[in-house]
Amino acid sequence: LTDQRLEAEKFLGMTPSKLRQFWVSPGRKSVGNQDFLFDVPTSSMEFRMVATAVRSSSSDASAYGPTAREQWSRMRLSKIQRIENSMQQDGGIQSYYNSVRSSFEAMGLEFVPGVHTRWLFHGSRDTDSIVSNPIQGFQPLASGSAGASVWGRGTYFARDAEYVAS
């Protein structure tokens, strides 16, 4: 990863509590069926840092060839939306994060956010159900079971947004 990407990820956060630093929903809690998507102002530091993370390309050659990388570099980032779904974060993400951290500590290892947590990108077109369903969200064991997944059951993520867009 580039130094700029690492700096952007550190600014945006590597822990569930740090990821909430920009939330604007009342009391930083989503309520009932409230809309979970919030536009990130284009003039904000948050927008610039997310854009940096999205725009950063790997130093490795693209698996899709140089044309894909050229097309990616010409794409315009017009909008960024933040998901603020406290039920999903509190009910799933936070407990999973705590479980992983506890496992490291039980082995006598230091758990380091940014080393043992990672920013990843997901290329689903079904964002509505991912955003609004706090019970399911990203459930790796329930995903890919309809036979449509190339590599078997699971939820797939990529380190670079360029890969997801290809």
Protein backbone atom coordinates (compact mmCIF):
# COMPACT_ATOMS: atom_id res chain seq x y z
CA LEU A 1 0.00 0.00 0.00
CA THR A 2 1.13 3.54 -0.65
CA ASP A 3 2.06 5.84 2.21
CA GLN A 4 -0.91 8.05 1.26
CA ARG A 5 -3.31 5.09 1.50
CA LEU A 6 -1.93 4.07 4.90
CA GLU A 7 -2.25 7.66 6.14
CA ALA A 8 -5.84 7.86 4.87
CA GLU A 9 -6.81 4.58 6.56
CA LYS A 10 -5.25 5.67 9.83
CA PHE A 11 -7.15 8.98 9.68
CA LEU A 12 -10.46 7.25 8.91
CA GLY A 13 -10.01 4.60 11.61
CA MET A 14 -9.23 0.96 12.13
CA THR A 15 -11.53 0.22 15.08
CA PRO A 16 -15.33 0.20 15.28
CA SER A 17 -15.38 3.20 17.64
CA LYS A 18 -12.99 5.22 15.47
CA LEU A 19 -15.10 4.50 12.37
CA ARG A 20 -17.98 6.37 14.06
CA GLN A 21 -16.04 9.62 14.43
CA PHE A 22 -17.78 11.23 11.45
CA TRP A 23 -21.32 9.97 12.12
CA VAL A 24 -23.99 12.67 12.01
CA SER A 25 -27.08 10.63 12.93
CA PRO A 26 -28.77 11.75 16.19
CA GLY A 27 -26.81 10.57 19.21
CA ARG A 28 -24.62 8.59 16.79
CA LYS A 29 -27.31 5.90 16.87
CA SER A 30 -29.54 4.94 13.95
CA VAL A 31 -33.19 4.80 14.91
CA GLY A 32 -35.72 2.26 13.62
CA ASN A 33 -35.99 2.28 9.84
CA GLN A 34 -34.18 5.60 9.52
CA ASP A 35 -32.13 6.03 6.38
CA PHE A 36 -28.65 4.64 7.04
CA LEU A 37 -26.85 6.44 4.19
CA PHE A 38 -25.36 9.89 4.65
CA ASP A 39 -23.60 11.90 1.96
CA VAL A 40 -20.03 12.83 2.84
CA PRO A 41 -19.43 16.50 1.94
CA THR A 42 -17.01 16.76 -0.99
CA SER A 43 -15.13 19.58 0.76
CA SER A 44 -14.46 17.53 3.90
CA MET A 45 -11.23 15.85 4.99
CA GLU A 46 -13.23 12.62 5.32
CA PHE A 47 -14.12 12.77 1.61
CA ARG A 48 -10.49 13.44 0.65
CA MET A 49 -9.22 10.54 2.77
CA VAL A 50 -11.83 8.06 1.49
CA ALA A 51 -11.05 9.20 -2.05
CA THR A 52 -7.35 8.59 -1.39
CA ALA A 53 -8.09 5.06 -0.17
CA VAL A 54 -10.35 4.38 -3.17
CA ARG A 55 -7.96 5.86 -5.70
CA SER A 56 -4.81 4.14 -4.41
CA SER A 57 -3.64 1.42 -6.74
CA SER A 58 -1.42 -1.47 -5.87
CA SER A 59 2.19 -1.31 -6.95
CA ASP A 60 1.61 -4.81 -8.35
CA ALA A 61 0.59 -5.17 -11.98
CA SER A 62 -3.17 -5.36 -12.54
CA ALA A 63 -4.47 -8.87 -13.12
CA TYR A 64 -6.80 -7.31 -15.72
CA GLY A 65 -3.95 -5.75 -17.70
CA PRO A 66 -2.81 -2.16 -18.22
CA THR A 67 -6.05 -1.12 -19.96
CA ALA A 68 -8.10 -1.75 -16.80
CA ARG A 69 -5.71 0.38 -14.73
CA GLU A 70 -5.82 3.19 -17.31
CA GLN A 71 -9.64 3.14 -17.30
CA TRP A 72 -9.67 3.17 -13.49
CA SER A 73 -7.36 6.20 -13.36
CA ARG A 74 -9.80 8.15 -15.59
CA MET A 75 -12.90 7.38 -13.51
CA ARG A 76 -14.36 10.29 -11.58
CA LEU A 77 -15.40 9.86 -7.96
CA SER A 78 -18.59 11.90 -7.73
CA LYS A 79 -20.15 10.80 -4.44
CA ILE A 80 -19.25 9.07 -1.19
CA GLN A 81 -21.87 7.88 1.26
CA ARG A 82 -21.26 6.81 4.84
CA ILE A 83 -23.31 3.95 6.32
CA GLU A 84 -24.48 4.72 9.86
CA ASN A 85 -26.16 1.57 11.09
CA SER A 86 -25.54 1.27 14.82
CA MET A 87 -27.52 -1.96 15.12
CA GLN A 88 -25.24 -3.60 12.56
CA GLN A 89 -22.10 -2.17 14.12
CA ASP A 90 -23.04 -2.89 17.73
CA GLY A 91 -24.64 -6.27 17.05
CA GLY A 92 -22.12 -7.70 14.63
CA ILE A 93 -19.02 -5.71 13.90
CA GLN A 94 -18.15 -4.76 17.48
CA SER A 95 -18.67 -8.27 18.85
CA TYR A 96 -16.60 -9.81 16.03
CA TYR A 97 -13.84 -7.23 16.59
CA ASN A 98 -13.84 -7.97 20.34
CA SER A 99 -13.72 -11.72 19.67
CA VAL A 100 -10.69 -11.42 17.38
CA ARG A 101 -8.93 -9.09 19.83
CA SER A 102 -9.63 -11.50 22.73
CA SER A 103 -8.28 -14.43 20.70
CA PHE A 104 -5.01 -12.58 20.13
CA GLU A 105 -4.76 -11.64 23.80
CA ALA A 106 -5.50 -15.24 24.90
CA MET A 107 -2.50 -16.34 22.85
CA GLY A 108 -0.35 -13.68 24.51
CA LEU A 109 -0.14 -11.65 21.30
CA GLU A 110 -0.67 -7.93 20.94
CA PHE A 111 -3.70 -7.04 18.81
CA VAL A 112 -2.81 -4.05 16.63
CA PRO A 113 -5.55 -2.17 14.73
CA GLY A 114 -4.27 -1.44 11.25
CA VAL A 115 -2.20 -4.60 11.26
CA HIS A 116 -4.92 -7.06 12.25
CA THR A 117 -7.75 -4.97 10.80
CA ARG A 118 -7.89 -3.83 7.20
CA TRP A 119 -9.85 -1.53 4.89
CA LEU A 120 -11.37 -3.62 2.10
CA PHE A 121 -13.75 -3.03 -0.78
CA HIS A 122 -16.83 -5.03 -1.75
CA GLY A 123 -18.36 -4.88 -5.23
CA SER A 124 -21.98 -5.89 -4.65
CA ARG A 125 -24.77 -4.19 -6.55
CA ASP A 126 -27.18 -5.21 -3.76
CA THR A 127 -26.20 -2.34 -1.47
CA ASP A 128 -29.74 -1.73 -0.23
CA SER A 129 -29.97 -5.02 1.67
CA ILE A 130 -26.38 -4.72 2.93
CA VAL A 131 -26.98 -1.21 4.26
CA SER A 132 -30.46 -1.57 5.69
CA ASN A 133 -30.47 -5.09 7.15
CA PRO A 134 -28.71 -4.94 10.52
CA ILE A 135 -29.32 -8.63 11.19
CA GLN A 136 -27.66 -9.94 8.00
CA GLY A 137 -25.22 -7.25 6.85
CA PHE A 138 -22.18 -9.16 5.65
CA GLN A 139 -22.66 -12.75 6.77
CA PRO A 140 -19.85 -14.82 5.21
CA LEU A 141 -21.39 -18.19 6.11
CA ALA A 142 -24.74 -17.28 4.53
CA SER A 143 -23.29 -15.78 1.35
CA GLY A 144 -22.66 -17.36 -1.99
CA SER A 145 -25.00 -20.24 -1.30
CA ALA A 146 -27.11 -19.78 -4.43
CA GLY A 147 -24.39 -21.29 -6.60
CA ALA A 148 -23.51 -17.96 -8.21
CA SER A 149 -20.16 -17.52 -6.48
CA VAL A 150 -17.03 -18.40 -8.41
CA TRP A 151 -14.85 -19.48 -5.49
CA GLY A 152 -17.47 -21.10 -3.26
CA ARG A 153 -19.48 -19.87 -0.30
CA GLY A 154 -18.40 -16.64 1.30
CA THR A 155 -18.30 -12.87 1.03
CA TYR A 156 -15.57 -11.52 -1.20
CA PHE A 157 -13.57 -8.38 -0.59
CA ALA A 158 -10.58 -6.80 -2.33
CA ARG A 159 -7.72 -4.77 -0.94
CA ASP A 160 -7.99 -2.28 -3.83
CA ALA A 161 -11.17 -0.65 -5.11
CA GLU A 162 -9.71 -0.83 -8.61
CA TYR A 163 -10.02 -4.62 -8.47
CA VAL A 164 -13.68 -4.53 -7.37
CA ALA A 165 -14.57 -2.12 -10.20
CA SER A 166 -12.90 -4.33 -12.84
